[in-house]
């Protein structure tokens, strides 16, 4: 099978797949098993990835889904990154994909609640903005695993951090979330828009803030 097209056309292909991908993530999340309160981020991601792969196969979607994919060609000065989940269409170009980067939010550590909003921004969003991830495409994704179930609080904490760092994030002031253009009406979904230095098109990050299921309390 041969696929004909230019790199820009392949990037447009990812654009057209974003609604399918986001809806797949939302649907797959409903099947997530409970996880321990102190579960590691990678374990949650792998559990989600397994469900995504099963659902992709059932729906016959035309892209592969991989986890822990190494970005082999980072921007100058950037270290190699390891993408949590990558949605990869069947095109002959390694840099055409949709990356879904995951971060835990509102975790309980040593008896203290930690928001981890700054980690979400610095070690998630900024990797897209610098071009470490998704430098050849116009869309990327972030999923926040909200460990205490307080989705609105986690969203607000992340937005406050975005406002503080909007210059680094290449956002117009004041730097804020906008309503998702794809998952309209879903309170868990947001977007941010970024003018990356290496391109003229706006880059869009699609944010999903998902309450992670935890085991039922023992009676």
N, C-alpha and C. Protein backbone atom coordinates (compact mmCIF):
# COMPACT_ATOMS: atom_id res chain seq x y z
N UNK A 1 0.84 -1.19 0.00
CA UNK A 1 0.00 0.00 0.00
C UNK A 1 0.88 1.24 0.00
N UNK A 2 0.65 2.16 -0.89
CA UNK A 2 1.43 3.39 -0.95
C UNK A 2 0.54 4.57 -0.58
N UNK A 3 1.13 5.54 0.12
CA UNK A 3 0.40 6.74 0.51
C UNK A 3 1.10 7.92 -0.11
N UNK A 4 0.36 8.73 -0.86
CA UNK A 4 0.93 9.87 -1.57
C UNK A 4 0.48 11.14 -0.88
N UNK A 5 1.41 12.08 -0.72
CA UNK A 5 1.05 13.34 -0.12
C UNK A 5 2.29 14.09 0.32
N UNK A 6 2.11 15.39 0.61
CA UNK A 6 3.21 16.21 1.08
C UNK A 6 3.16 16.27 2.60
N UNK A 7 4.29 16.67 3.24
CA UNK A 7 4.27 16.78 4.70
C UNK A 7 3.16 17.68 5.23
N UNK A 8 2.89 18.80 4.52
CA UNK A 8 1.81 19.68 5.00
C UNK A 8 0.46 19.01 4.89
N UNK A 9 0.26 18.21 3.86
CA UNK A 9 -1.00 17.48 3.73
C UNK A 9 -1.12 16.42 4.81
N UNK A 10 0.00 15.80 5.19
CA UNK A 10 -0.04 14.80 6.26
C UNK A 10 -0.38 15.48 7.59
N UNK A 11 0.14 16.70 7.82
CA UNK A 11 -0.20 17.44 9.03
C UNK A 11 -1.69 17.76 9.05
N UNK A 12 -2.24 18.11 7.88
CA UNK A 12 -3.68 18.36 7.78
C UNK A 12 -4.47 17.09 8.09
N UNK A 13 -3.90 15.93 7.76
CA UNK A 13 -4.56 14.67 8.07
C UNK A 13 -4.75 14.51 9.57
N UNK A 14 -3.73 14.85 10.35
CA UNK A 14 -3.84 14.79 11.80
C UNK A 14 -4.93 15.76 12.27
N UNK A 15 -4.97 16.96 11.69
CA UNK A 15 -6.00 17.93 12.06
C UNK A 15 -7.39 17.31 11.94
N UNK A 16 -7.61 16.59 10.85
CA UNK A 16 -8.93 16.01 10.61
C UNK A 16 -9.24 14.87 11.57
N UNK A 17 -8.20 14.26 12.15
CA UNK A 17 -8.39 13.13 13.07
C UNK A 17 -8.62 13.56 14.52
N UNK A 18 -8.33 14.82 14.86
CA UNK A 18 -8.39 15.25 16.26
C UNK A 18 -9.76 15.00 16.89
N UNK A 19 -10.89 15.33 16.24
CA UNK A 19 -12.18 15.02 16.87
C UNK A 19 -12.36 13.54 17.16
N UNK A 20 -11.95 12.69 16.22
CA UNK A 20 -12.05 11.25 16.41
C UNK A 20 -11.22 10.80 17.61
N UNK A 21 -10.01 11.34 17.71
CA UNK A 21 -9.10 10.95 18.79
C UNK A 21 -9.65 11.38 20.15
N UNK A 22 -10.08 12.63 20.26
CA UNK A 22 -10.58 13.12 21.54
C UNK A 22 -11.83 12.37 21.98
N UNK A 23 -12.72 12.09 21.06
CA UNK A 23 -13.91 11.33 21.40
C UNK A 23 -13.57 9.89 21.80
N UNK A 24 -12.53 9.33 21.18
CA UNK A 24 -12.06 8.00 21.56
C UNK A 24 -11.53 8.00 22.99
N UNK A 25 -10.77 9.04 23.35
CA UNK A 25 -10.24 9.15 24.71
C UNK A 25 -11.37 9.26 25.73
N UNK A 26 -12.35 10.11 25.44
CA UNK A 26 -13.48 10.29 26.36
C UNK A 26 -14.23 8.97 26.55
N UNK A 27 -14.51 8.26 25.45
CA UNK A 27 -15.24 7.00 25.53
C UNK A 27 -14.43 5.95 26.28
N UNK A 28 -13.13 5.90 26.03
CA UNK A 28 -12.28 4.90 26.67
C UNK A 28 -12.16 5.15 28.16
N UNK A 29 -12.18 6.43 28.55
CA UNK A 29 -12.04 6.76 29.96
C UNK A 29 -13.18 6.17 30.79
N UNK A 30 -14.34 6.03 30.19
CA UNK A 30 -15.48 5.47 30.92
C UNK A 30 -15.22 4.02 31.34
N UNK A 31 -14.25 3.36 30.70
CA UNK A 31 -13.95 1.96 31.00
C UNK A 31 -12.74 1.79 31.90
N UNK A 32 -12.18 2.90 32.37
CA UNK A 32 -10.99 2.82 33.21
C UNK A 32 -11.29 2.12 34.53
N UNK A 33 -10.42 1.18 34.92
CA UNK A 33 -10.60 0.51 36.21
C UNK A 33 -10.16 1.42 37.35
N UNK A 34 -10.64 1.16 38.57
CA UNK A 34 -10.18 1.95 39.72
C UNK A 34 -8.68 1.77 39.93
N UNK A 35 -8.04 2.81 40.40
CA UNK A 35 -6.60 2.75 40.69
C UNK A 35 -6.35 3.29 42.10
N UNK A 36 -5.30 2.81 42.71
CA UNK A 36 -4.95 3.24 44.07
C UNK A 36 -4.67 4.73 44.10
N UNK A 37 -4.92 5.36 45.24
CA UNK A 37 -4.73 6.80 45.39
C UNK A 37 -3.31 7.23 45.05
N UNK A 38 -2.32 6.35 45.35
CA UNK A 38 -0.93 6.70 45.09
C UNK A 38 -0.39 6.03 43.82
N UNK A 39 -1.29 5.64 42.91
CA UNK A 39 -0.87 4.97 41.67
C UNK A 39 0.04 5.88 40.86
N UNK A 40 1.07 5.30 40.27
CA UNK A 40 2.00 6.07 39.47
C UNK A 40 1.36 6.50 38.15
N UNK A 41 1.81 7.64 37.65
CA UNK A 41 1.27 8.19 36.40
C UNK A 41 1.41 7.21 35.24
N UNK A 42 2.57 6.56 35.13
CA UNK A 42 2.80 5.64 34.01
C UNK A 42 1.81 4.48 34.03
N UNK A 43 1.48 3.98 35.22
CA UNK A 43 0.55 2.86 35.31
C UNK A 43 -0.85 3.25 34.88
N UNK A 44 -1.27 4.47 35.22
CA UNK A 44 -2.58 4.96 34.78
C UNK A 44 -2.58 5.09 33.26
N UNK A 45 -1.50 5.63 32.72
CA UNK A 45 -1.40 5.83 31.28
C UNK A 45 -1.44 4.50 30.53
N UNK A 46 -0.74 3.50 31.03
CA UNK A 46 -0.72 2.19 30.36
C UNK A 46 -2.11 1.56 30.39
N UNK A 47 -2.82 1.70 31.51
CA UNK A 47 -4.18 1.17 31.59
C UNK A 47 -5.08 1.84 30.57
N UNK A 48 -4.95 3.17 30.44
CA UNK A 48 -5.74 3.90 29.44
C UNK A 48 -5.36 3.47 28.04
N UNK A 49 -4.07 3.33 27.79
CA UNK A 49 -3.59 2.93 26.46
C UNK A 49 -4.18 1.59 26.03
N UNK A 50 -4.22 0.62 26.94
CA UNK A 50 -4.76 -0.69 26.61
C UNK A 50 -6.22 -0.59 26.16
N UNK A 51 -6.99 0.23 26.87
CA UNK A 51 -8.40 0.39 26.50
C UNK A 51 -8.52 1.14 25.17
N UNK A 52 -7.69 2.14 24.97
CA UNK A 52 -7.71 2.88 23.70
C UNK A 52 -7.45 1.95 22.52
N UNK A 53 -6.45 1.08 22.65
CA UNK A 53 -6.11 0.16 21.56
C UNK A 53 -7.27 -0.78 21.26
N UNK A 54 -7.89 -1.30 22.30
CA UNK A 54 -9.04 -2.20 22.10
C UNK A 54 -10.18 -1.47 21.39
N UNK A 55 -10.45 -0.25 21.81
CA UNK A 55 -11.55 0.51 21.22
C UNK A 55 -11.24 0.96 19.80
N UNK A 56 -9.97 1.29 19.55
CA UNK A 56 -9.59 1.66 18.18
C UNK A 56 -9.82 0.49 17.24
N UNK A 57 -9.41 -0.70 17.66
CA UNK A 57 -9.59 -1.87 16.82
C UNK A 57 -11.07 -2.13 16.57
N UNK A 58 -11.88 -2.01 17.62
CA UNK A 58 -13.32 -2.25 17.49
C UNK A 58 -13.96 -1.28 16.51
N UNK A 59 -13.46 -0.05 16.49
CA UNK A 59 -14.05 0.98 15.62
C UNK A 59 -13.40 1.02 14.24
N UNK A 60 -12.31 0.27 14.07
CA UNK A 60 -11.64 0.26 12.77
C UNK A 60 -11.01 1.58 12.39
N UNK A 61 -10.48 2.31 13.37
CA UNK A 61 -9.88 3.61 13.09
C UNK A 61 -8.50 3.45 12.46
N UNK A 62 -8.17 4.37 11.54
CA UNK A 62 -6.97 4.22 10.71
C UNK A 62 -5.75 4.92 11.29
N UNK A 63 -5.44 4.60 12.53
CA UNK A 63 -4.18 5.07 13.09
C UNK A 63 -3.75 4.08 14.16
N UNK A 64 -2.45 4.05 14.41
CA UNK A 64 -1.91 3.23 15.48
C UNK A 64 -1.87 4.05 16.77
N UNK A 65 -1.90 3.35 17.89
CA UNK A 65 -1.78 4.02 19.19
C UNK A 65 -0.63 3.36 19.94
N UNK A 66 0.36 4.16 20.29
CA UNK A 66 1.54 3.64 20.99
C UNK A 66 1.77 4.43 22.27
N UNK A 67 2.44 3.79 23.20
CA UNK A 67 2.76 4.46 24.46
C UNK A 67 4.27 4.50 24.66
N UNK A 68 4.71 5.53 25.39
CA UNK A 68 6.13 5.73 25.69
C UNK A 68 6.96 5.79 24.41
N UNK A 69 6.52 6.62 23.47
CA UNK A 69 7.21 6.78 22.19
C UNK A 69 8.30 7.84 22.35
N UNK A 70 9.52 7.50 21.94
CA UNK A 70 10.64 8.45 22.04
C UNK A 70 10.63 9.36 20.81
N UNK A 71 10.69 10.68 21.07
CA UNK A 71 10.82 11.66 20.01
C UNK A 71 12.29 11.72 19.61
N UNK A 72 12.59 11.24 18.39
CA UNK A 72 13.98 11.08 17.97
C UNK A 72 14.61 12.34 17.39
N UNK A 73 13.82 13.36 17.09
CA UNK A 73 14.36 14.55 16.43
C UNK A 73 13.85 15.80 17.13
N UNK A 74 14.32 16.06 18.37
CA UNK A 74 13.84 17.23 19.11
C UNK A 74 14.39 18.52 18.51
N UNK A 75 13.82 19.63 18.94
CA UNK A 75 14.32 20.93 18.52
C UNK A 75 15.73 21.14 19.09
N UNK A 76 16.56 22.01 18.45
CA UNK A 76 17.91 22.25 18.96
C UNK A 76 17.89 22.67 20.43
N UNK A 77 18.76 22.05 21.22
CA UNK A 77 18.85 22.38 22.64
C UNK A 77 17.90 21.61 23.52
N UNK A 78 16.98 20.86 22.92
CA UNK A 78 16.02 20.09 23.70
C UNK A 78 16.50 18.66 23.88
N UNK A 79 16.21 18.08 25.05
CA UNK A 79 16.53 16.68 25.28
C UNK A 79 15.49 15.80 24.61
N UNK A 80 15.87 14.53 24.40
CA UNK A 80 14.91 13.57 23.88
C UNK A 80 13.72 13.47 24.82
N UNK A 81 12.53 13.46 24.25
CA UNK A 81 11.33 13.34 25.05
C UNK A 81 10.70 11.97 24.87
N UNK A 82 9.89 11.56 25.83
CA UNK A 82 9.18 10.29 25.75
C UNK A 82 7.70 10.60 25.88
N UNK A 83 6.98 10.49 24.76
CA UNK A 83 5.57 10.84 24.73
C UNK A 83 4.74 9.76 25.41
N UNK A 84 3.77 10.17 26.21
CA UNK A 84 2.96 9.21 26.96
C UNK A 84 2.13 8.35 26.01
N UNK A 85 1.33 8.98 25.16
CA UNK A 85 0.52 8.25 24.18
C UNK A 85 0.60 8.99 22.86
N UNK A 86 0.85 8.28 21.79
CA UNK A 86 0.93 8.88 20.46
C UNK A 86 -0.04 8.18 19.52
N UNK A 87 -0.81 8.97 18.80
CA UNK A 87 -1.74 8.47 17.79
C UNK A 87 -1.09 8.73 16.43
N UNK A 88 -0.77 7.66 15.72
CA UNK A 88 0.09 7.75 14.56
C UNK A 88 -0.64 7.26 13.31
N UNK A 89 -0.92 8.14 12.36
CA UNK A 89 -1.57 7.70 11.12
C UNK A 89 -0.57 6.95 10.23
N UNK A 90 -1.10 6.25 9.25
CA UNK A 90 -0.26 5.43 8.39
C UNK A 90 0.29 6.28 7.25
N UNK A 91 1.30 7.11 7.59
CA UNK A 91 1.96 7.95 6.59
C UNK A 91 3.46 7.75 6.73
N UNK A 92 4.21 7.97 5.63
CA UNK A 92 5.66 7.73 5.67
C UNK A 92 6.46 8.90 6.25
N UNK A 93 6.10 9.32 7.46
CA UNK A 93 6.81 10.41 8.11
C UNK A 93 6.73 10.21 9.62
N UNK A 94 7.88 10.16 10.29
CA UNK A 94 7.92 9.86 11.70
C UNK A 94 7.40 11.00 12.59
N UNK A 95 7.34 12.22 12.05
CA UNK A 95 6.95 13.35 12.90
C UNK A 95 5.50 13.77 12.72
N UNK A 96 4.70 12.93 12.07
CA UNK A 96 3.27 13.20 11.94
C UNK A 96 2.52 12.31 12.92
N UNK A 97 2.00 12.91 13.98
CA UNK A 97 1.30 12.16 15.02
C UNK A 97 0.52 13.14 15.89
N UNK A 98 -0.38 12.61 16.69
CA UNK A 98 -1.05 13.38 17.74
C UNK A 98 -0.55 12.86 19.07
N UNK A 99 0.09 13.72 19.84
CA UNK A 99 0.65 13.33 21.13
C UNK A 99 -0.32 13.69 22.24
N UNK A 100 -0.58 12.73 23.12
CA UNK A 100 -1.38 12.97 24.32
C UNK A 100 -0.46 12.82 25.53
N UNK A 101 -0.13 13.94 26.15
CA UNK A 101 0.78 13.95 27.29
C UNK A 101 -0.04 13.93 28.58
N UNK A 102 0.34 13.11 29.54
CA UNK A 102 -0.45 12.96 30.76
C UNK A 102 0.30 13.48 31.98
N UNK A 103 -0.46 14.02 32.92
CA UNK A 103 0.09 14.49 34.19
C UNK A 103 -0.94 14.27 35.30
N UNK A 104 -0.47 13.86 36.47
CA UNK A 104 -1.35 13.75 37.63
C UNK A 104 -1.59 15.13 38.24
N UNK A 105 -2.77 15.33 38.77
CA UNK A 105 -3.13 16.58 39.43
C UNK A 105 -3.82 16.26 40.76
N UNK A 106 -3.67 17.17 41.72
CA UNK A 106 -4.33 17.04 43.04
C UNK A 106 -4.02 15.69 43.70
N UNK A 107 -2.74 15.40 43.80
CA UNK A 107 -2.36 14.12 44.42
C UNK A 107 -2.21 14.30 45.93
N UNK A 108 -2.27 13.19 46.65
CA UNK A 108 -2.03 13.17 48.09
C UNK A 108 -0.64 12.59 48.33
N UNK A 109 0.24 13.37 48.91
CA UNK A 109 1.60 12.92 49.17
C UNK A 109 2.00 13.28 50.59
N UNK A 110 2.40 12.26 51.36
CA UNK A 110 2.78 12.46 52.76
C UNK A 110 1.69 13.19 53.54
N UNK A 111 0.45 12.84 53.22
CA UNK A 111 -0.68 13.43 53.93
C UNK A 111 -1.05 14.82 53.49
N UNK A 112 -0.34 15.37 52.49
CA UNK A 112 -0.60 16.72 52.00
C UNK A 112 -1.11 16.67 50.56
N UNK A 113 -2.10 17.52 50.25
CA UNK A 113 -2.61 17.61 48.89
C UNK A 113 -1.72 18.52 48.06
N UNK A 114 -1.26 18.02 46.92
CA UNK A 114 -0.41 18.82 46.03
C UNK A 114 -1.11 18.98 44.69
N UNK A 115 -1.20 20.22 44.21
CA UNK A 115 -1.93 20.50 42.97
C UNK A 115 -1.18 20.01 41.74
N UNK A 116 0.15 20.18 41.71
CA UNK A 116 1.02 19.81 40.58
C UNK A 116 0.65 20.56 39.29
N UNK A 117 0.03 21.73 39.44
CA UNK A 117 -0.33 22.52 38.26
C UNK A 117 0.90 23.02 37.51
N UNK A 118 1.94 23.39 38.25
CA UNK A 118 3.15 23.90 37.59
C UNK A 118 3.84 22.80 36.79
N UNK A 119 3.81 21.55 37.30
CA UNK A 119 4.39 20.43 36.56
C UNK A 119 3.61 20.17 35.28
N UNK A 120 2.30 20.31 35.34
CA UNK A 120 1.45 20.15 34.16
C UNK A 120 1.88 21.13 33.06
N UNK A 121 2.16 22.37 33.46
CA UNK A 121 2.53 23.41 32.50
C UNK A 121 3.98 23.24 32.04
N UNK A 122 4.91 23.12 33.00
CA UNK A 122 6.33 23.12 32.66
C UNK A 122 6.79 21.84 31.95
N UNK A 123 6.28 20.70 32.39
CA UNK A 123 6.74 19.42 31.85
C UNK A 123 5.72 18.78 30.92
N UNK A 124 4.68 19.52 30.62
CA UNK A 124 3.68 19.06 29.67
C UNK A 124 3.49 20.07 28.55
N UNK A 125 2.81 21.16 28.85
CA UNK A 125 2.48 22.15 27.83
C UNK A 125 3.71 22.72 27.14
N UNK A 126 4.74 23.06 27.92
CA UNK A 126 5.92 23.70 27.33
C UNK A 126 6.65 22.79 26.34
N UNK A 127 6.52 21.50 26.49
CA UNK A 127 7.17 20.58 25.54
C UNK A 127 6.55 20.69 24.16
N UNK A 128 5.27 21.03 24.11
CA UNK A 128 4.63 21.29 22.82
C UNK A 128 5.06 22.65 22.28
N UNK A 129 5.08 23.65 23.15
CA UNK A 129 5.36 25.02 22.72
C UNK A 129 6.77 25.16 22.16
N UNK A 130 7.74 24.48 22.77
CA UNK A 130 9.12 24.56 22.29
C UNK A 130 9.35 23.73 21.03
N UNK A 131 8.41 22.86 20.72
CA UNK A 131 8.58 21.97 19.57
C UNK A 131 9.26 20.67 19.91
N UNK A 132 9.49 20.43 21.21
CA UNK A 132 10.04 19.13 21.60
C UNK A 132 9.09 18.02 21.18
N UNK A 133 7.79 18.28 21.31
CA UNK A 133 6.76 17.37 20.83
C UNK A 133 5.96 18.07 19.73
N UNK A 134 5.53 17.30 18.73
CA UNK A 134 4.55 17.75 17.75
C UNK A 134 4.99 18.97 16.95
N UNK A 135 6.27 19.05 16.62
CA UNK A 135 6.76 20.26 15.94
C UNK A 135 6.26 20.37 14.50
N UNK A 136 5.84 19.25 13.88
CA UNK A 136 5.44 19.29 12.47
C UNK A 136 3.93 19.32 12.29
N UNK A 137 3.17 19.34 13.39
CA UNK A 137 1.72 19.34 13.30
C UNK A 137 1.15 20.52 14.08
N UNK A 138 -0.16 20.69 14.05
CA UNK A 138 -0.77 21.89 14.62
C UNK A 138 -1.62 21.62 15.86
N UNK A 139 -1.64 20.36 16.31
CA UNK A 139 -2.47 20.00 17.46
C UNK A 139 -1.70 19.05 18.38
N UNK A 140 -1.94 19.19 19.67
CA UNK A 140 -1.45 18.24 20.66
C UNK A 140 -2.46 18.13 21.77
N UNK A 141 -2.25 17.19 22.69
CA UNK A 141 -3.22 16.98 23.76
C UNK A 141 -2.57 16.79 25.11
N UNK A 142 -3.27 17.25 26.15
CA UNK A 142 -2.87 17.03 27.53
C UNK A 142 -4.04 16.38 28.25
N UNK A 143 -3.76 15.37 29.07
CA UNK A 143 -4.78 14.79 29.91
C UNK A 143 -4.32 14.86 31.36
N UNK A 144 -5.12 15.50 32.19
CA UNK A 144 -4.82 15.61 33.60
C UNK A 144 -5.60 14.56 34.38
N UNK A 145 -4.87 13.68 35.08
CA UNK A 145 -5.51 12.68 35.92
C UNK A 145 -5.81 13.33 37.27
N UNK A 146 -7.04 13.71 37.49
CA UNK A 146 -7.42 14.44 38.70
C UNK A 146 -7.69 13.43 39.80
N UNK A 147 -6.73 13.27 40.69
CA UNK A 147 -6.74 12.16 41.63
C UNK A 147 -7.77 12.30 42.74
N UNK A 148 -8.16 13.54 43.07
CA UNK A 148 -9.15 13.70 44.13
C UNK A 148 -10.55 13.93 43.59
N UNK A 149 -10.70 13.89 42.25
CA UNK A 149 -12.01 14.06 41.65
C UNK A 149 -12.48 15.49 41.49
N UNK A 150 -11.71 16.46 42.00
CA UNK A 150 -12.10 17.87 41.94
C UNK A 150 -11.65 18.48 40.60
N UNK A 151 -12.41 18.18 39.56
CA UNK A 151 -12.02 18.61 38.22
C UNK A 151 -12.01 20.12 38.09
N UNK A 152 -13.02 20.79 38.61
CA UNK A 152 -13.08 22.25 38.48
C UNK A 152 -11.92 22.92 39.21
N UNK A 153 -11.56 22.39 40.38
CA UNK A 153 -10.43 22.96 41.12
C UNK A 153 -9.12 22.75 40.40
N UNK A 154 -8.92 21.55 39.85
CA UNK A 154 -7.69 21.26 39.11
C UNK A 154 -7.58 22.15 37.87
N UNK A 155 -8.69 22.32 37.17
CA UNK A 155 -8.71 23.16 35.97
C UNK A 155 -8.34 24.60 36.33
N UNK A 156 -8.91 25.09 37.41
CA UNK A 156 -8.63 26.46 37.85
C UNK A 156 -7.17 26.63 38.25
N UNK A 157 -6.60 25.65 38.95
CA UNK A 157 -5.20 25.73 39.36
C UNK A 157 -4.27 25.79 38.14
N UNK A 158 -4.57 24.95 37.14
CA UNK A 158 -3.74 24.94 35.94
C UNK A 158 -3.88 26.27 35.20
N UNK A 159 -5.08 26.77 35.11
CA UNK A 159 -5.28 28.05 34.40
C UNK A 159 -4.53 29.18 35.09
N UNK A 160 -4.53 29.21 36.43
CA UNK A 160 -3.77 30.24 37.15
C UNK A 160 -2.30 30.16 36.79
N UNK A 161 -1.76 28.94 36.68
CA UNK A 161 -0.35 28.77 36.33
C UNK A 161 -0.09 29.20 34.90
N UNK A 162 -1.03 28.91 34.01
CA UNK A 162 -0.90 29.34 32.61
C UNK A 162 -0.83 30.86 32.53
N UNK A 163 -1.68 31.54 33.28
CA UNK A 163 -1.67 33.01 33.26
C UNK A 163 -0.31 33.55 33.70
N UNK A 164 0.28 32.93 34.72
CA UNK A 164 1.58 33.37 35.21
C UNK A 164 2.69 33.16 34.19
N UNK A 165 2.52 32.17 33.31
CA UNK A 165 3.57 31.80 32.36
C UNK A 165 3.16 32.01 30.91
N UNK A 166 2.21 32.90 30.67
CA UNK A 166 1.68 33.02 29.31
C UNK A 166 2.73 33.46 28.30
N UNK A 167 3.73 34.21 28.72
CA UNK A 167 4.79 34.62 27.78
C UNK A 167 5.62 33.41 27.36
N UNK A 168 6.02 32.59 28.34
CA UNK A 168 6.77 31.38 28.01
C UNK A 168 5.96 30.45 27.11
N UNK A 169 4.65 30.46 27.31
CA UNK A 169 3.76 29.59 26.55
C UNK A 169 3.36 30.17 25.19
N UNK A 170 3.92 31.35 24.88
CA UNK A 170 3.65 32.00 23.58
C UNK A 170 2.16 32.23 23.37
N UNK A 171 1.50 32.71 24.43
CA UNK A 171 0.08 33.00 24.39
C UNK A 171 -0.16 34.50 24.51
N UNK A 172 -1.22 34.97 23.89
CA UNK A 172 -1.58 36.37 24.05
C UNK A 172 -2.13 36.58 25.46
N UNK A 173 -1.81 37.74 26.08
CA UNK A 173 -2.30 37.98 27.43
C UNK A 173 -3.83 38.09 27.45
N UNK A 174 -4.45 37.70 28.56
CA UNK A 174 -3.82 37.33 29.83
C UNK A 174 -3.35 35.88 29.88
N UNK A 175 -3.63 35.07 28.84
CA UNK A 175 -3.29 33.65 28.86
C UNK A 175 -4.34 32.89 29.63
N UNK A 176 -5.20 32.20 28.91
CA UNK A 176 -6.31 31.53 29.59
C UNK A 176 -6.83 30.40 28.72
N UNK A 177 -7.61 29.52 29.35
CA UNK A 177 -8.30 28.49 28.61
C UNK A 177 -9.40 29.11 27.76
N UNK A 178 -9.70 28.46 26.65
CA UNK A 178 -10.90 28.77 25.87
C UNK A 178 -11.73 27.50 25.79
N UNK A 179 -13.00 27.67 25.45
CA UNK A 179 -13.90 26.54 25.34
C UNK A 179 -13.44 25.60 24.23
N UNK A 180 -13.53 24.32 24.45
CA UNK A 180 -13.15 23.35 23.42
C UNK A 180 -14.02 23.51 22.19
N UNK A 181 -13.39 23.59 21.03
CA UNK A 181 -14.13 23.69 19.78
C UNK A 181 -14.60 22.32 19.29
N UNK A 182 -14.12 21.26 19.94
CA UNK A 182 -14.45 19.90 19.51
C UNK A 182 -15.41 19.23 20.47
N UNK A 183 -15.09 19.29 21.77
CA UNK A 183 -15.95 18.67 22.79
C UNK A 183 -16.81 19.75 23.43
N UNK A 184 -17.66 20.35 22.63
CA UNK A 184 -18.49 21.46 23.09
C UNK A 184 -19.45 20.99 24.17
N UNK A 185 -19.53 21.76 25.24
CA UNK A 185 -20.44 21.42 26.31
C UNK A 185 -19.87 20.46 27.33
N UNK A 186 -18.67 19.94 27.10
CA UNK A 186 -18.05 19.02 28.06
C UNK A 186 -17.19 19.85 29.01
N UNK A 187 -17.59 19.91 30.27
CA UNK A 187 -16.90 20.75 31.24
C UNK A 187 -15.48 20.29 31.53
N UNK A 188 -15.14 19.08 31.11
CA UNK A 188 -13.79 18.55 31.36
C UNK A 188 -12.80 18.96 30.27
N UNK A 189 -13.26 19.59 29.21
CA UNK A 189 -12.43 19.88 28.04
C UNK A 189 -12.15 21.38 27.91
N UNK A 190 -10.92 21.71 27.54
CA UNK A 190 -10.51 23.09 27.29
C UNK A 190 -9.52 23.10 26.12
N UNK A 191 -9.21 24.29 25.63
CA UNK A 191 -8.15 24.48 24.62
C UNK A 191 -7.27 25.64 25.04
N UNK A 192 -6.02 25.60 24.60
CA UNK A 192 -5.15 26.78 24.64
C UNK A 192 -4.50 26.93 23.27
N UNK A 193 -4.22 28.19 22.89
CA UNK A 193 -3.67 28.49 21.58
C UNK A 193 -2.31 29.16 21.75
N UNK A 194 -1.35 28.74 20.94
CA UNK A 194 0.05 29.16 21.11
C UNK A 194 0.66 29.53 19.76
N UNK A 195 1.42 30.63 19.74
CA UNK A 195 2.13 31.04 18.54
C UNK A 195 3.59 30.60 18.67
N UNK A 196 3.88 29.39 18.21
CA UNK A 196 5.23 28.86 18.39
C UNK A 196 6.22 29.58 17.50
N UNK A 197 7.46 29.68 17.96
CA UNK A 197 8.49 30.46 17.26
C UNK A 197 8.84 29.88 15.90
N UNK A 198 8.70 28.56 15.72
CA UNK A 198 9.16 27.94 14.49
C UNK A 198 8.09 27.80 13.43
N UNK A 199 6.89 28.38 13.64
CA UNK A 199 5.85 28.25 12.64
C UNK A 199 4.91 29.45 12.66
N UNK A 200 4.15 29.62 11.58
CA UNK A 200 3.21 30.73 11.48
C UNK A 200 1.81 30.35 11.95
N UNK A 201 1.45 29.08 11.84
CA UNK A 201 0.12 28.64 12.27
C UNK A 201 0.04 28.58 13.79
N UNK A 202 -1.14 28.86 14.32
CA UNK A 202 -1.37 28.67 15.74
C UNK A 202 -1.30 27.18 16.07
N UNK A 203 -0.72 26.86 17.22
CA UNK A 203 -0.72 25.49 17.72
C UNK A 203 -1.77 25.40 18.81
N UNK A 204 -2.59 24.36 18.75
CA UNK A 204 -3.68 24.18 19.70
C UNK A 204 -3.39 22.97 20.60
N UNK A 205 -3.47 23.20 21.90
CA UNK A 205 -3.40 22.10 22.85
C UNK A 205 -4.82 21.83 23.34
N UNK A 206 -5.24 20.58 23.24
CA UNK A 206 -6.55 20.15 23.70
C UNK A 206 -6.37 19.52 25.08
N UNK A 207 -7.04 20.08 26.08
CA UNK A 207 -6.88 19.65 27.47
C UNK A 207 -8.09 18.85 27.92
N UNK A 208 -7.83 17.72 28.56
CA UNK A 208 -8.89 16.92 29.18
C UNK A 208 -8.55 16.73 30.66
N UNK A 209 -9.46 17.11 31.53
CA UNK A 209 -9.27 16.95 32.98
C UNK A 209 -10.23 15.86 33.45
N UNK A 210 -9.67 14.70 33.78
CA UNK A 210 -10.47 13.52 34.03
C UNK A 210 -10.31 13.04 35.48
N UNK A 211 -11.43 12.91 36.16
CA UNK A 211 -11.41 12.36 37.53
C UNK A 211 -11.07 10.88 37.45
N UNK A 212 -10.02 10.46 38.12
CA UNK A 212 -9.60 9.07 38.03
C UNK A 212 -10.38 8.23 39.04
N UNK A 213 -10.92 7.11 38.60
CA UNK A 213 -11.66 6.25 39.53
C UNK A 213 -10.72 5.62 40.55
N UNK A 214 -11.17 5.56 41.79
CA UNK A 214 -10.37 4.96 42.86
C UNK A 214 -11.17 3.81 43.45
N UNK A 215 -10.50 2.84 44.08
CA UNK A 215 -11.23 1.72 44.67
C UNK A 215 -12.23 2.19 45.73
N UNK A 216 -13.33 1.48 45.83
CA UNK A 216 -14.33 1.81 46.85
C UNK A 216 -13.74 1.60 48.24
N UNK A 217 -14.13 2.46 49.16
CA UNK A 217 -13.64 2.35 50.53
C UNK A 217 -14.15 1.06 51.17
N UNK A 218 -13.28 0.43 51.94
CA UNK A 218 -13.68 -0.80 52.63
C UNK A 218 -14.58 -0.47 53.82
N UNK A 219 -15.65 -1.22 53.93
CA UNK A 219 -16.59 -0.99 55.04
C UNK A 219 -16.15 -1.75 56.30
